[in-house]
Amino acid sequence: MTGNGPISKIVLDTHLKPILDQDALLVSDGNPTYGAFCKAEKVSHEIVNMSQGQRVTKGAYHIQNVNAYHHRFKSWLDRFHGVATKYLPNYLAWCRIMDRNHNLTPEQLLHSALGDFQYLTVT
């Protein structure tokens, strides 16, 4: 949702602050904007230094899953030749459902579009 290009305090305040819990841990690259944001918001922050080939820091903290998902999402979006930003959450939800459930029937996909997820619930 933050778009492409350099990250800024305004972008983080607008898009990340409303959805980030106080007890969250933000794992990011070494961009100082993230550090300043986390300090101001009193959020824990771990840095992964990608420029030095570091992919993991202090055990389980890594950004490979985020990078892999971002790549899959952007590849999936390519088929639409661009989407309006206001509809991006809808495309993200659609991609997430397709990513998690590879063998959905058209009926199941329609149910998920309508918000009826009972068929995905394990009983």
PDB file of N, CA and C in Angstrom:
ATOM      1  N   MET A   1       0.813  -1.198   0.000  1.00  0.00           N
ATOM      2  CA  MET A   1       0.000   0.000   0.000  1.00  0.00           C
ATOM      3  C   MET A   1       0.856   1.261   0.000  1.00  0.00           C
ATOM      4  N   THR A   2       2.131   1.137   0.307  1.00  0.00           N
ATOM      5  CA  THR A   2       2.964   2.329   0.378  1.00  0.00           C
ATOM      6  C   THR A   2       3.493   2.744  -0.981  1.00  0.00           C
ATOM      7  N   GLY A   3       3.308   1.913  -1.990  1.00  0.00           N
ATOM      8  CA  GLY A   3       3.736   2.273  -3.332  1.00  0.00           C
ATOM      9  C   GLY A   3       5.204   2.026  -3.566  1.00  0.00           C
ATOM     10  N   ASN A   4       5.672   2.504  -4.696  1.00  0.00           N
ATOM     11  CA  ASN A   4       7.076   2.370  -5.052  1.00  0.00           C
ATOM     12  C   ASN A   4       7.809   3.654  -4.713  1.00  0.00           C
ATOM     13  N   GLY A   5       9.121   3.582  -4.752  1.00  0.00           N
ATOM     14  CA  GLY A   5       9.923   4.763  -4.485  1.00  0.00           C
ATOM     15  C   GLY A   5      10.397   4.803  -3.055  1.00  0.00           C
ATOM     16  N   PRO A   6      11.066   5.882  -2.692  1.00  0.00           N
ATOM     17  CA  PRO A   6      11.645   5.983  -1.353  1.00  0.00           C
ATOM     18  C   PRO A   6      10.572   6.033  -0.268  1.00  0.00           C
ATOM     19  N   ILE A   7      10.883   5.411   0.836  1.00  0.00           N
ATOM     20  CA  ILE A   7       9.971   5.401   1.978  1.00  0.00           C
ATOM     21  C   ILE A   7      10.171   6.710   2.744  1.00  0.00           C
ATOM     22  N   SER A   8       9.097   7.272   3.257  1.00  0.00           N
ATOM     23  CA  SER A   8       9.208   8.534   3.996  1.00  0.00           C
ATOM     24  C   SER A   8       8.415   8.436   5.295  1.00  0.00           C
ATOM     25  N   LYS A   9       8.659   9.374   6.180  1.00  0.00           N
ATOM     26  CA  LYS A   9       7.937   9.411   7.453  1.00  0.00           C
ATOM     27  C   LYS A   9       6.429   9.563   7.208  1.00  0.00           C
ATOM     28  N   ILE A  10       6.068  10.366   6.239  1.00  0.00           N
ATOM     29  CA  ILE A  10       4.649  10.579   5.925  1.00  0.00           C
ATOM     30  C   ILE A  10       3.998   9.265   5.483  1.00  0.00           C
ATOM     31  N   VAL A  11       4.686   8.511   4.630  1.00  0.00           N
ATOM     32  CA  VAL A  11       4.158   7.234   4.155  1.00  0.00           C
ATOM     33  C   VAL A  11       3.998   6.263   5.320  1.00  0.00           C
ATOM     34  N   LEU A  12       4.994   6.186   6.197  1.00  0.00           N
ATOM     35  CA  LEU A  12       4.919   5.278   7.346  1.00  0.00           C
ATOM     36  C   LEU A  12       3.815   5.697   8.311  1.00  0.00           C
ATOM     37  N   ASP A  13       3.712   6.995   8.566  1.00  0.00           N
ATOM     38  CA  ASP A  13       2.656   7.487   9.460  1.00  0.00           C
ATOM     39  C   ASP A  13       1.266   7.210   8.888  1.00  0.00           C
ATOM     40  N   THR A  14       1.131   7.360   7.581  1.00  0.00           N
ATOM     41  CA  THR A  14      -0.172   7.174   6.938  1.00  0.00           C
ATOM     42  C   THR A  14      -0.574   5.703   6.835  1.00  0.00           C
ATOM     43  N   HIS A  15       0.368   4.847   6.426  1.00  0.00           N
ATOM     44  CA  HIS A  15       0.014   3.472   6.096  1.00  0.00           C
ATOM     45  C   HIS A  15       0.389   2.440   7.151  1.00  0.00           C
ATOM     46  N   LEU A  16       1.474   2.661   7.873  1.00  0.00           N
ATOM     47  CA  LEU A  16       1.937   1.645   8.821  1.00  0.00           C
ATOM     48  C   LEU A  16       1.445   1.896  10.241  1.00  0.00           C
ATOM     49  N   LYS A  17       1.470   3.133  10.668  1.00  0.00           N
ATOM     50  CA  LYS A  17       1.084   3.467  12.040  1.00  0.00           C
ATOM     51  C   LYS A  17      -0.312   2.966  12.422  1.00  0.00           C
ATOM     52  N   PRO A  18      -1.327   3.138  11.569  1.00  0.00           N
ATOM     53  CA  PRO A  18      -2.674   2.704  11.971  1.00  0.00           C
ATOM     54  C   PRO A  18      -2.828   1.184  12.148  1.00  0.00           C
ATOM     55  N   ILE A  19      -1.947   0.397  11.549  1.00  0.00           N
ATOM     56  CA  ILE A  19      -2.120  -1.060  11.611  1.00  0.00           C
ATOM     57  C   ILE A  19      -1.047  -1.769  12.433  1.00  0.00           C
ATOM     58  N   LEU A  20      -0.104  -1.027  12.970  1.00  0.00           N
ATOM     59  CA  LEU A  20       1.007  -1.629  13.698  1.00  0.00           C
ATOM     60  C   LEU A  20       0.740  -1.590  15.198  1.00  0.00           C
ATOM     61  N   ASP A  21       0.689  -2.761  15.826  1.00  0.00           N
ATOM     62  CA  ASP A  21       0.497  -2.837  17.272  1.00  0.00           C
ATOM     63  C   ASP A  21       1.749  -2.365  18.002  1.00  0.00           C
ATOM     64  N   GLN A  22       1.574  -1.861  19.226  1.00  0.00           N
ATOM     65  CA  GLN A  22       2.710  -1.403  20.033  1.00  0.00           C
ATOM     66  C   GLN A  22       3.685  -2.528  20.347  1.00  0.00           C
ATOM     67  N   ASP A  23       3.176  -3.751  20.469  1.00  0.00           N
ATOM     68  CA  ASP A  23       4.060  -4.864  20.815  1.00  0.00           C
ATOM     69  C   ASP A  23       4.598  -5.587  19.578  1.00  0.00           C
ATOM     70  N   ALA A  24       4.428  -4.988  18.397  1.00  0.00           N
ATOM     71  CA  ALA A  24       4.926  -5.581  17.153  1.00  0.00           C
ATOM     72  C   ALA A  24       6.444  -5.417  17.065  1.00  0.00           C
ATOM     73  N   LEU A  25       7.037  -6.243  16.246  1.00  0.00           N
ATOM     74  CA  LEU A  25       8.455  -6.140  15.923  1.00  0.00           C
ATOM     75  C   LEU A  25       8.543  -5.863  14.438  1.00  0.00           C
ATOM     76  N   LEU A  26       9.115  -4.729  14.064  1.00  0.00           N
ATOM     77  CA  LEU A  26       9.281  -4.380  12.662  1.00  0.00           C
ATOM     78  C   LEU A  26      10.672  -4.823  12.227  1.00  0.00           C
ATOM     79  N   VAL A  27      10.745  -5.676  11.224  1.00  0.00           N
ATOM     80  CA  VAL A  27      12.014  -6.109  10.646  1.00  0.00           C
ATOM     81  C   VAL A  27      12.123  -5.429   9.299  1.00  0.00           C
ATOM     82  N   SER A  28      13.215  -4.682   9.105  1.00  0.00           N
ATOM     83  CA  SER A  28      13.352  -3.901   7.878  1.00  0.00           C
ATOM     84  C   SER A  28      14.798  -3.892   7.411  1.00  0.00           C
ATOM     85  N   ASP A  29      14.993  -3.247   6.266  1.00  0.00           N
ATOM     86  CA  ASP A  29      16.351  -3.016   5.802  1.00  0.00           C
ATOM     87  C   ASP A  29      16.944  -1.864   6.611  1.00  0.00           C
ATOM     88  N   GLY A  30      18.098  -1.401   6.247  1.00  0.00           N
ATOM     89  CA  GLY A  30      18.791  -0.390   7.032  1.00  0.00           C
ATOM     90  C   GLY A  30      18.356   1.041   6.798  1.00  0.00           C
ATOM     91  N   ASN A  31      17.258   1.262   6.089  1.00  0.00           N
ATOM     92  CA  ASN A  31      16.785   2.616   5.832  1.00  0.00           C
ATOM     93  C   ASN A  31      16.522   3.316   7.165  1.00  0.00           C
ATOM     94  N   PRO A  32      17.175   4.462   7.407  1.00  0.00           N
ATOM     95  CA  PRO A  32      17.026   5.147   8.694  1.00  0.00           C
ATOM     96  C   PRO A  32      15.607   5.645   8.985  1.00  0.00           C
ATOM     97  N   THR A  33      14.772   5.774   7.964  1.00  0.00           N
ATOM     98  CA  THR A  33      13.393   6.212   8.173  1.00  0.00           C
ATOM     99  C   THR A  33      12.635   5.235   9.058  1.00  0.00           C
ATOM    100  N   TYR A  34      12.882   3.928   8.868  1.00  0.00           N
ATOM    101  CA  TYR A  34      12.224   2.918   9.705  1.00  0.00           C
ATOM    102  C   TYR A  34      12.662   3.046  11.160  1.00  0.00           C
ATOM    103  N   GLY A  35      13.956   3.243  11.369  1.00  0.00           N
ATOM    104  CA  GLY A  35      14.481   3.393  12.730  1.00  0.00           C
ATOM    105  C   GLY A  35      13.891   4.595  13.442  1.00  0.00           C
ATOM    106  N   ALA A  36      13.807   5.736  12.742  1.00  0.00           N
ATOM    107  CA  ALA A  36      13.242   6.944  13.336  1.00  0.00           C
ATOM    108  C   ALA A  36      11.754   6.753  13.636  1.00  0.00           C
ATOM    109  N   PHE A  37      11.047   6.095  12.718  1.00  0.00           N
ATOM    110  CA  PHE A  37       9.625   5.830  12.925  1.00  0.00           C
ATOM    111  C   PHE A  37       9.429   4.949  14.158  1.00  0.00           C
ATOM    112  N   CYS A  38      10.187   3.871  14.263  1.00  0.00           N
ATOM    113  CA  CYS A  38      10.048   2.938  15.386  1.00  0.00           C
ATOM    114  C   CYS A  38      10.402   3.603  16.714  1.00  0.00           C
ATOM    115  N   LYS A  39      11.413   4.440  16.695  1.00  0.00           N
ATOM    116  CA  LYS A  39      11.791   5.153  17.918  1.00  0.00           C
ATOM    117  C   LYS A  39      10.672   6.100  18.351  1.00  0.00           C
ATOM    118  N   ALA A  40      10.101   6.834  17.406  1.00  0.00           N
ATOM    119  CA  ALA A  40       9.026   7.779  17.723  1.00  0.00           C
ATOM    120  C   ALA A  40       7.766   7.071  18.197  1.00  0.00           C
ATOM    121  N   GLU A  41       7.496   5.896  17.629  1.00  0.00           N
ATOM    122  CA  GLU A  41       6.274   5.157  17.974  1.00  0.00           C
ATOM    123  C   GLU A  41       6.503   4.112  19.065  1.00  0.00           C
ATOM    124  N   LYS A  42       7.741   4.026  19.561  1.00  0.00           N
ATOM    125  CA  LYS A  42       8.109   3.055  20.608  1.00  0.00           C
ATOM    126  C   LYS A  42       7.776   1.615  20.188  1.00  0.00           C
ATOM    127  N   VAL A  43       8.196   1.275  18.963  1.00  0.00           N
ATOM    128  CA  VAL A  43       8.001  -0.054  18.402  1.00  0.00           C
ATOM    129  C   VAL A  43       9.368  -0.717  18.278  1.00  0.00           C
ATOM    130  N   SER A  44       9.454  -1.997  18.624  1.00  0.00           N
ATOM    131  CA  SER A  44      10.712  -2.737  18.490  1.00  0.00           C
ATOM    132  C   SER A  44      11.097  -2.837  17.020  1.00  0.00           C
ATOM    133  N   HIS A  45      12.398  -2.787  16.769  1.00  0.00           N
ATOM    134  CA  HIS A  45      12.881  -2.757  15.382  1.00  0.00           C
ATOM    135  C   HIS A  45      14.159  -3.583  15.262  1.00  0.00           C
ATOM    136  N   GLU A  46      14.208  -4.458  14.275  1.00  0.00           N
ATOM    137  CA  GLU A  46      15.404  -5.230  13.932  1.00  0.00           C
ATOM    138  C   GLU A  46      15.772  -4.891  12.497  1.00  0.00           C
ATOM    139  N   ILE A  47      17.055  -4.744  12.254  1.00  0.00           N
ATOM    140  CA  ILE A  47      17.542  -4.382  10.929  1.00  0.00           C
ATOM    141  C   ILE A  47      18.241  -5.579  10.298  1.00  0.00           C
ATOM    142  N   VAL A  48      17.894  -5.864   9.044  1.00  0.00           N
ATOM    143  CA  VAL A  48      18.586  -6.868   8.253  1.00  0.00           C
ATOM    144  C   VAL A  48      19.340  -6.109   7.173  1.00  0.00           C
ATOM    145  N   ASN A  49      20.662  -6.260   7.153  1.00  0.00           N
ATOM    146  CA  ASN A  49      21.496  -5.501   6.231  1.00  0.00           C
ATOM    147  C   ASN A  49      21.657  -6.261   4.917  1.00  0.00           C
ATOM    148  N   MET A  50      20.758  -6.008   3.983  1.00  0.00           N
ATOM    149  CA  MET A  50      20.761  -6.704   2.702  1.00  0.00           C
ATOM    150  C   MET A  50      21.990  -6.356   1.861  1.00  0.00           C
ATOM    151  N   SER A  51      22.517  -5.144   1.997  1.00  0.00           N
ATOM    152  CA  SER A  51      23.666  -4.735   1.184  1.00  0.00           C
ATOM    153  C   SER A  51      24.911  -5.541   1.531  1.00  0.00           C
ATOM    154  N   GLN A  52      24.958  -6.119   2.723  1.00  0.00           N
ATOM    155  CA  GLN A  52      26.084  -6.961   3.129  1.00  0.00           C
ATOM    156  C   GLN A  52      25.755  -8.443   2.989  1.00  0.00           C
ATOM    157  N   GLY A  53      24.658  -8.746   2.304  1.00  0.00           N
ATOM    158  CA  GLY A  53      24.273 -10.126   2.070  1.00  0.00           C
ATOM    159  C   GLY A  53      23.593 -10.779   3.264  1.00  0.00           C
ATOM    160  N   GLN A  54      23.285  -9.999   4.279  1.00  0.00           N
ATOM    161  CA  GLN A  54      22.637 -10.541   5.472  1.00  0.00           C
ATOM    162  C   GLN A  54      21.155 -10.749   5.169  1.00  0.00           C
ATOM    163  N   ARG A  55      20.669 -11.947   5.438  1.00  0.00           N
ATOM    164  CA  ARG A  55      19.266 -12.260   5.206  1.00  0.00           C
ATOM    165  C   ARG A  55      18.529 -12.531   6.521  1.00  0.00           C
ATOM    166  N   VAL A  56      19.279 -12.824   7.556  1.00  0.00           N
ATOM    167  CA  VAL A  56      18.708 -13.174   8.848  1.00  0.00           C
ATOM    168  C   VAL A  56      19.488 -12.438   9.925  1.00  0.00           C
ATOM    169  N   THR A  57      18.801 -11.999  10.977  1.00  0.00           N
ATOM    170  CA  THR A  57      19.475 -11.385  12.106  1.00  0.00           C
ATOM    171  C   THR A  57      18.914 -11.963  13.394  1.00  0.00           C
ATOM    172  N   LYS A  58      19.754 -12.267  14.311  1.00  0.00           N
ATOM    173  CA  LYS A  58      19.351 -12.767  15.631  1.00  0.00           C
ATOM    174  C   LYS A  58      18.327 -13.895  15.561  1.00  0.00           C
ATOM    175  N   GLY A  59      18.658 -14.924  14.818  1.00  0.00           N
ATOM    176  CA  GLY A  59      17.801 -16.101  14.796  1.00  0.00           C
ATOM    177  C   GLY A  59      16.664 -16.026  13.814  1.00  0.00           C
ATOM    178  N   ALA A  60      15.453 -15.922  14.304  1.00  0.00           N
ATOM    179  CA  ALA A  60      14.260 -16.064  13.462  1.00  0.00           C
ATOM    180  C   ALA A  60      13.872 -14.794  12.721  1.00  0.00           C
ATOM    181  N   TYR A  61      14.511 -13.688  12.977  1.00  0.00           N
ATOM    182  CA  TYR A  61      14.116 -12.441  12.327  1.00  0.00           C
ATOM    183  C   TYR A  61      14.692 -12.382  10.920  1.00  0.00           C
ATOM    184  N   HIS A  62      13.820 -12.431   9.930  1.00  0.00           N
ATOM    185  CA  HIS A  62      14.275 -12.349   8.547  1.00  0.00           C
ATOM    186  C   HIS A  62      13.181 -11.725   7.696  1.00  0.00           C
ATOM    187  N   ILE A  63      13.554 -11.339   6.477  1.00  0.00           N
ATOM    188  CA  ILE A  63      12.582 -10.711   5.580  1.00  0.00           C
ATOM    189  C   ILE A  63      12.377 -11.512   4.306  1.00  0.00           C
ATOM    190  N   GLN A  64      12.890 -12.722   4.263  1.00  0.00           N
ATOM    191  CA  GLN A  64      12.762 -13.527   3.061  1.00  0.00           C
ATOM    192  C   GLN A  64      11.303 -13.846   2.733  1.00  0.00           C
ATOM    193  N   ASN A  65      10.479 -14.150   3.739  1.00  0.00           N
ATOM    194  CA  ASN A  65       9.074 -14.441   3.468  1.00  0.00           C
ATOM    195  C   ASN A  65       8.369 -13.229   2.870  1.00  0.00           C
ATOM    196  N   VAL A  66       8.673 -12.061   3.400  1.00  0.00           N
ATOM    197  CA  VAL A  66       8.057 -10.828   2.881  1.00  0.00           C
ATOM    198  C   VAL A  66       8.506 -10.596   1.446  1.00  0.00           C
ATOM    199  N   ASN A  67       9.796 -10.746   1.189  1.00  0.00           N
ATOM    200  CA  ASN A  67      10.307 -10.545  -0.168  1.00  0.00           C
ATOM    201  C   ASN A  67       9.696 -11.547  -1.142  1.00  0.00           C
ATOM    202  N   ALA A  68       9.576 -12.795  -0.727  1.00  0.00           N
ATOM    203  CA  ALA A  68       8.999 -13.834  -1.593  1.00  0.00           C
ATOM    204  C   ALA A  68       7.529 -13.531  -1.878  1.00  0.00           C
ATOM    205  N   TYR A  69       6.775 -13.142  -0.851  1.00  0.00           N
ATOM    206  CA  TYR A  69       5.357 -12.834  -1.053  1.00  0.00           C
ATOM    207  C   TYR A  69       5.195 -11.607  -1.950  1.00  0.00           C
ATOM    208  N   HIS A  70       6.019 -10.605  -1.730  1.00  0.00           N
ATOM    209  CA  HIS A  70       5.969  -9.391  -2.552  1.00  0.00           C
ATOM    210  C   HIS A  70       6.230  -9.743  -4.012  1.00  0.00           C
ATOM    211  N   HIS A  71       7.189 -10.610  -4.259  1.00  0.00           N
ATOM    212  CA  HIS A  71       7.505 -11.029  -5.629  1.00  0.00           C
ATOM    213  C   HIS A  71       6.316 -11.778  -6.251  1.00  0.00           C
ATOM    214  N   ARG A  72       5.723 -12.713  -5.489  1.00  0.00           N
ATOM    215  CA  ARG A  72       4.580 -13.465  -6.006  1.00  0.00           C
ATOM    216  C   ARG A  72       3.399 -12.534  -6.300  1.00  0.00           C
ATOM    217  N   PHE A  73       3.159 -11.583  -5.407  1.00  0.00           N
ATOM    218  CA  PHE A  73       2.041 -10.657  -5.592  1.00  0.00           C
ATOM    219  C   PHE A  73       2.248  -9.785  -6.832  1.00  0.00           C
ATOM    220  N   LYS A  74       3.449  -9.227  -6.981  1.00  0.00           N
ATOM    221  CA  LYS A  74       3.715  -8.381  -8.148  1.00  0.00           C
ATOM    222  C   LYS A  74       3.632  -9.184  -9.441  1.00  0.00           C
ATOM    223  N   SER A  75       4.114 -10.420  -9.428  1.00  0.00           N
ATOM    224  CA  SER A  75       4.019 -11.280 -10.609  1.00  0.00           C
ATOM    225  C   SER A  75       2.558 -11.580 -10.930  1.00  0.00           C
ATOM    226  N   TRP A  76       1.771 -11.837  -9.904  1.00  0.00           N
ATOM    227  CA  TRP A  76       0.349 -12.128 -10.090  1.00  0.00           C
ATOM    228  C   TRP A  76      -0.383 -10.903 -10.649  1.00  0.00           C
ATOM    229  N   LEU A  77      -0.013  -9.710 -10.181  1.00  0.00           N
ATOM    230  CA  LEU A  77      -0.660  -8.477 -10.646  1.00  0.00           C
ATOM    231  C   LEU A  77      -0.323  -8.132 -12.092  1.00  0.00           C
ATOM    232  N   ASP A  78       0.807  -8.623 -12.589  1.00  0.00           N
ATOM    233  CA  ASP A  78       1.226  -8.290 -13.960  1.00  0.00           C
ATOM    234  C   ASP A  78       0.155  -8.597 -14.992  1.00  0.00           C
ATOM    235  N   ARG A  79      -0.634  -9.644 -14.787  1.00  0.00           N
ATOM    236  CA  ARG A  79      -1.655 -10.045 -15.760  1.00  0.00           C
ATOM    237  C   ARG A  79      -2.738  -8.984 -15.937  1.00  0.00           C
ATOM    238  N   PHE A  80      -2.855  -8.069 -14.956  1.00  0.00           N
ATOM    239  CA  PHE A  80      -3.899  -7.044 -15.037  1.00  0.00           C
ATOM    240  C   PHE A  80      -3.394  -5.736 -15.645  1.00  0.00           C
ATOM    241  N   HIS A  81      -2.105  -5.661 -15.921  1.00  0.00           N
ATOM    242  CA  HIS A  81      -1.496  -4.472 -16.534  1.00  0.00           C
ATOM    243  C   HIS A  81      -1.780  -3.214 -15.727  1.00  0.00           C
ATOM    244  N   GLY A  82      -1.679  -3.328 -14.413  1.00  0.00           N
ATOM    245  CA  GLY A  82      -1.898  -2.198 -13.519  1.00  0.00           C
ATOM    246  C   GLY A  82      -3.292  -2.197 -12.937  1.00  0.00           C
ATOM    247  N   VAL A  83      -3.393  -1.780 -11.698  1.00  0.00           N
ATOM    248  CA  VAL A  83      -4.681  -1.693 -11.015  1.00  0.00           C
ATOM    249  C   VAL A  83      -4.759  -0.348 -10.302  1.00  0.00           C
ATOM    250  N   ALA A  84      -5.980   0.119 -10.089  1.00  0.00           N
ATOM    251  CA  ALA A  84      -6.181   1.373  -9.362  1.00  0.00           C
ATOM    252  C   ALA A  84      -5.823   1.160  -7.893  1.00  0.00           C
ATOM    253  N   THR A  85      -5.145   2.108  -7.299  1.00  0.00           N
ATOM    254  CA  THR A  85      -4.710   1.999  -5.907  1.00  0.00           C
ATOM    255  C   THR A  85      -5.883   1.760  -4.969  1.00  0.00           C
ATOM    256  N   LYS A  86      -7.030   2.378  -5.246  1.00  0.00           N
ATOM    257  CA  LYS A  86      -8.161   2.212  -4.339  1.00  0.00           C
ATOM    258  C   LYS A  86      -8.682   0.777  -4.327  1.00  0.00           C
ATOM    259  N   TYR A  87      -8.383  -0.011  -5.375  1.00  0.00           N
ATOM    260  CA  TYR A  87      -8.808  -1.412  -5.413  1.00  0.00           C
ATOM    261  C   TYR A  87      -7.711  -2.387  -4.986  1.00  0.00           C
ATOM    262  N   LEU A  88      -6.534  -1.873  -4.670  1.00  0.00           N
ATOM    263  CA  LEU A  88      -5.410  -2.730  -4.320  1.00  0.00           C
ATOM    264  C   LEU A  88      -5.711  -3.690  -3.172  1.00  0.00           C
ATOM    265  N   PRO A  89      -6.410  -3.265  -2.098  1.00  0.00           N
ATOM    266  CA  PRO A  89      -6.740  -4.233  -1.039  1.00  0.00           C
ATOM    267  C   PRO A  89      -7.571  -5.408  -1.552  1.00  0.00           C
ATOM    268  N   ASN A  90      -8.464  -5.163  -2.520  1.00  0.00           N
ATOM    269  CA  ASN A  90      -9.262  -6.248  -3.088  1.00  0.00           C
ATOM    270  C   ASN A  90      -8.387  -7.233  -3.861  1.00  0.00           C
ATOM    271  N   TYR A  91      -7.458  -6.709  -4.657  1.00  0.00           N
ATOM    272  CA  TYR A  91      -6.554  -7.576  -5.405  1.00  0.00           C
ATOM    273  C   TYR A  91      -5.636  -8.350  -4.460  1.00  0.00           C
ATOM    274  N   LEU A  92      -5.197  -7.702  -3.390  1.00  0.00           N
ATOM    275  CA  LEU A  92      -4.356  -8.373  -2.406  1.00  0.00           C
ATOM    276  C   LEU A  92      -5.109  -9.526  -1.750  1.00  0.00           C
ATOM    277  N   ALA A  93      -6.362  -9.307  -1.400  1.00  0.00           N
ATOM    278  CA  ALA A  93      -7.167 -10.378  -0.801  1.00  0.00           C
ATOM    279  C   ALA A  93      -7.374 -11.509  -1.792  1.00  0.00           C
ATOM    280  N   TRP A  94      -7.648 -11.179  -3.034  1.00  0.00           N
ATOM    281  CA  TRP A  94      -7.847 -12.186  -4.075  1.00  0.00           C
ATOM    282  C   TRP A  94      -6.582 -13.018  -4.249  1.00  0.00           C
ATOM    283  N   CYS A  95      -5.451 -12.343  -4.336  1.00  0.00           N
ATOM    284  CA  CYS A  95      -4.171 -13.040  -4.490  1.00  0.00           C
ATOM    285  C   CYS A  95      -3.888 -13.926  -3.285  1.00  0.00           C
ATOM    286  N   ARG A  96      -4.170 -13.428  -2.090  1.00  0.00           N
ATOM    287  CA  ARG A  96      -3.919 -14.190  -0.864  1.00  0.00           C
ATOM    288  C   ARG A  96      -4.753 -15.475  -0.841  1.00  0.00           C
ATOM    289  N   ILE A  97      -6.011 -15.366  -1.241  1.00  0.00           N
ATOM    290  CA  ILE A  97      -6.879 -16.550  -1.276  1.00  0.00           C
ATOM    291  C   ILE A  97      -6.362 -17.548  -2.313  1.00  0.00           C
ATOM    292  N   MET A  98      -5.982 -17.058  -3.474  1.00  0.00           N
ATOM    293  CA  MET A  98      -5.469 -17.947  -4.524  1.00  0.00           C
ATOM    294  C   MET A  98      -4.128 -18.561  -4.120  1.00  0.00           C
ATOM    295  N   ASP A  99      -3.314 -17.800  -3.393  1.00  0.00           N
ATOM    296  CA  ASP A  99      -2.000 -18.275  -2.958  1.00  0.00           C
ATOM    297  C   ASP A  99      -2.128 -19.387  -1.909  1.00  0.00           C
ATOM    298  N   ARG A 100      -3.108 -19.265  -1.043  1.00  0.00           N
ATOM    299  CA  ARG A 100      -3.294 -20.243   0.034  1.00  0.00           C
ATOM    300  C   ARG A 100      -4.088 -21.470  -0.399  1.00  0.00           C
ATOM    301  N   ASN A 101      -4.928 -21.323  -1.415  1.00  0.00           N
ATOM    302  CA  ASN A 101      -5.836 -22.398  -1.836  1.00  0.00           C
ATOM    303  C   ASN A 101      -5.727 -22.578  -3.342  1.00  0.00           C
ATOM    304  N   HIS A 102      -4.864 -23.463  -3.770  1.00  0.00           N
ATOM    305  CA  HIS A 102      -4.565 -23.610  -5.198  1.00  0.00           C
ATOM    306  C   HIS A 102      -5.668 -24.285  -6.005  1.00  0.00           C
ATOM    307  N   ASN A 103      -6.530 -25.046  -5.372  1.00  0.00           N
ATOM    308  CA  ASN A 103      -7.538 -25.820  -6.104  1.00  0.00           C
ATOM    309  C   ASN A 103      -8.961 -25.353  -5.827  1.00  0.00           C
ATOM    310  N   LEU A 104      -9.167 -24.059  -5.773  1.00  0.00           N
ATOM    311  CA  LEU A 104     -10.510 -23.535  -5.520  1.00  0.00           C
ATOM    312  C   LEU A 104     -11.420 -23.763  -6.724  1.00  0.00           C
ATOM    313  N   THR A 105     -12.647 -24.157  -6.435  1.00  0.00           N
ATOM    314  CA  THR A 105     -13.657 -24.247  -7.492  1.00  0.00           C
ATOM    315  C   THR A 105     -14.231 -22.849  -7.712  1.00  0.00           C
ATOM    316  N   PRO A 106     -14.869 -22.609  -8.845  1.00  0.00           N
ATOM    317  CA  PRO A 106     -15.504 -21.300  -9.057  1.00  0.00           C
ATOM    318  C   PRO A 106     -16.509 -20.963  -7.952  1.00  0.00           C
ATOM    319  N   GLU A 107     -17.240 -21.966  -7.464  1.00  0.00           N
ATOM    320  CA  GLU A 107     -18.208 -21.728  -6.392  1.00  0.00           C
ATOM    321  C   GLU A 107     -17.505 -21.280  -5.109  1.00  0.00           C
ATOM    322  N   GLN A 108     -16.398 -21.916  -4.759  1.00  0.00           N
ATOM    323  CA  GLN A 108     -15.650 -21.530  -3.562  1.00  0.00           C
ATOM    324  C   GLN A 108     -15.075 -20.136  -3.710  1.00  0.00           C
ATOM    325  N   LEU A 109     -14.581 -19.802  -4.890  1.00  0.00           N
ATOM    326  CA  LEU A 109     -14.039 -18.465  -5.120  1.00  0.00           C
ATOM    327  C   LEU A 109     -15.130 -17.409  -4.986  1.00  0.00           C
ATOM    328  N   LEU A 110     -16.320 -17.697  -5.479  1.00  0.00           N
ATOM    329  CA  LEU A 110     -17.442 -16.773  -5.331  1.00  0.00           C
ATOM    330  C   LEU A 110     -17.803 -16.597  -3.857  1.00  0.00           C
ATOM    331  N   HIS A 111     -17.832 -17.701  -3.095  1.00  0.00           N
ATOM    332  CA  HIS A 111     -18.117 -17.610  -1.663  1.00  0.00           C
ATOM    333  C   HIS A 111     -17.075 -16.738  -0.957  1.00  0.00           C
ATOM    334  N   SER A 112     -15.803 -16.908  -1.303  1.00  0.00           N
ATOM    335  CA  SER A 112     -14.766 -16.107  -0.654  1.00  0.00           C
ATOM    336  C   SER A 112     -14.889 -14.635  -1.032  1.00  0.00           C
ATOM    337  N   ALA A 113     -15.284 -14.355  -2.280  1.00  0.00           N
ATOM    338  CA  ALA A 113     -15.478 -12.963  -2.704  1.00  0.00           C
ATOM    339  C   ALA A 113     -16.621 -12.310  -1.933  1.00  0.00           C
ATOM    340  N   LEU A 114     -17.600 -13.121  -1.547  1.00  0.00           N
ATOM    341  CA  LEU A 114     -18.745 -12.612  -0.791  1.00  0.00           C
ATOM    342  C   LEU A 114     -18.490 -12.613   0.717  1.00  0.00           C
ATOM    343  N   GLY A 115     -17.331 -13.095   1.125  1.00  0.00           N
ATOM    344  CA  GLY A 115     -16.979 -13.082   2.544  1.00  0.00           C
ATOM    345  C   GLY A 115     -17.450 -14.294   3.315  1.00  0.00           C
ATOM    346  N   ASP A 116     -17.863 -15.341   2.629  1.00  0.00           N
ATOM    347  CA  ASP A 116     -18.327 -16.570   3.277  1.00  0.00           C
ATOM    348  C   ASP A 116     -17.189 -17.590   3.231  1.00  0.00           C
ATOM    349  N   PHE A 117     -16.455 -17.721   4.339  1.00  0.00           N
ATOM    350  CA  PHE A 117     -15.273 -18.572   4.367  1.00  0.00           C
ATOM    351  C   PHE A 117     -15.506 -19.900   5.075  1.00  0.00           C
ATOM    352  N   GLN A 118     -16.735 -20.310   5.268  1.00  0.00           N
ATOM    353  CA  GLN A 118     -17.003 -21.538   5.990  1.00  0.00           C
ATOM    354  C   GLN A 118     -16.403 -22.762   5.331  1.00  0.00           C
ATOM    355  N   TYR A 119     -16.332 -22.770   4.002  1.00  0.00           N
ATOM    356  CA  TYR A 119     -15.774 -23.923   3.304  1.00  0.00           C
ATOM    357  C   TYR A 119     -14.281 -24.096   3.586  1.00  0.00           C
ATOM    358  N   LEU A 120     -13.620 -23.046   4.069  1.00  0.00           N
ATOM    359  CA  LEU A 120     -12.195 -23.135   4.390  1.00  0.00           C
ATOM    360  C   LEU A 120     -11.964 -23.547   5.843  1.00  0.00           C
ATOM    361  N   THR A 121     -12.995 -23.530   6.654  1.00  0.00           N
ATOM    362  CA  THR A 121     -12.868 -23.831   8.072  1.00  0.00           C
ATOM    363  C   THR A 121     -12.804 -25.344   8.307  1.00  0.00           C
ATOM    364  N   VAL A 122     -11.805 -25.759   9.079  1.00  0.00           N
ATOM    365  CA  VAL A 122     -11.674 -27.160   9.427  1.00  0.00           C
ATOM    366  C   VAL A 122     -12.510 -27.410  10.668  1.00  0.00           C
ATOM    367  N   THR A 123     -13.380 -28.406  10.611  1.00  0.00           N
ATOM    368  CA  THR A 123     -14.231 -28.703  11.775  1.00  0.00           C
ATOM    369  C   THR A 123     -13.853 -30.019  12.394  1.00  0.00           C
TER     370      THR A 123
END
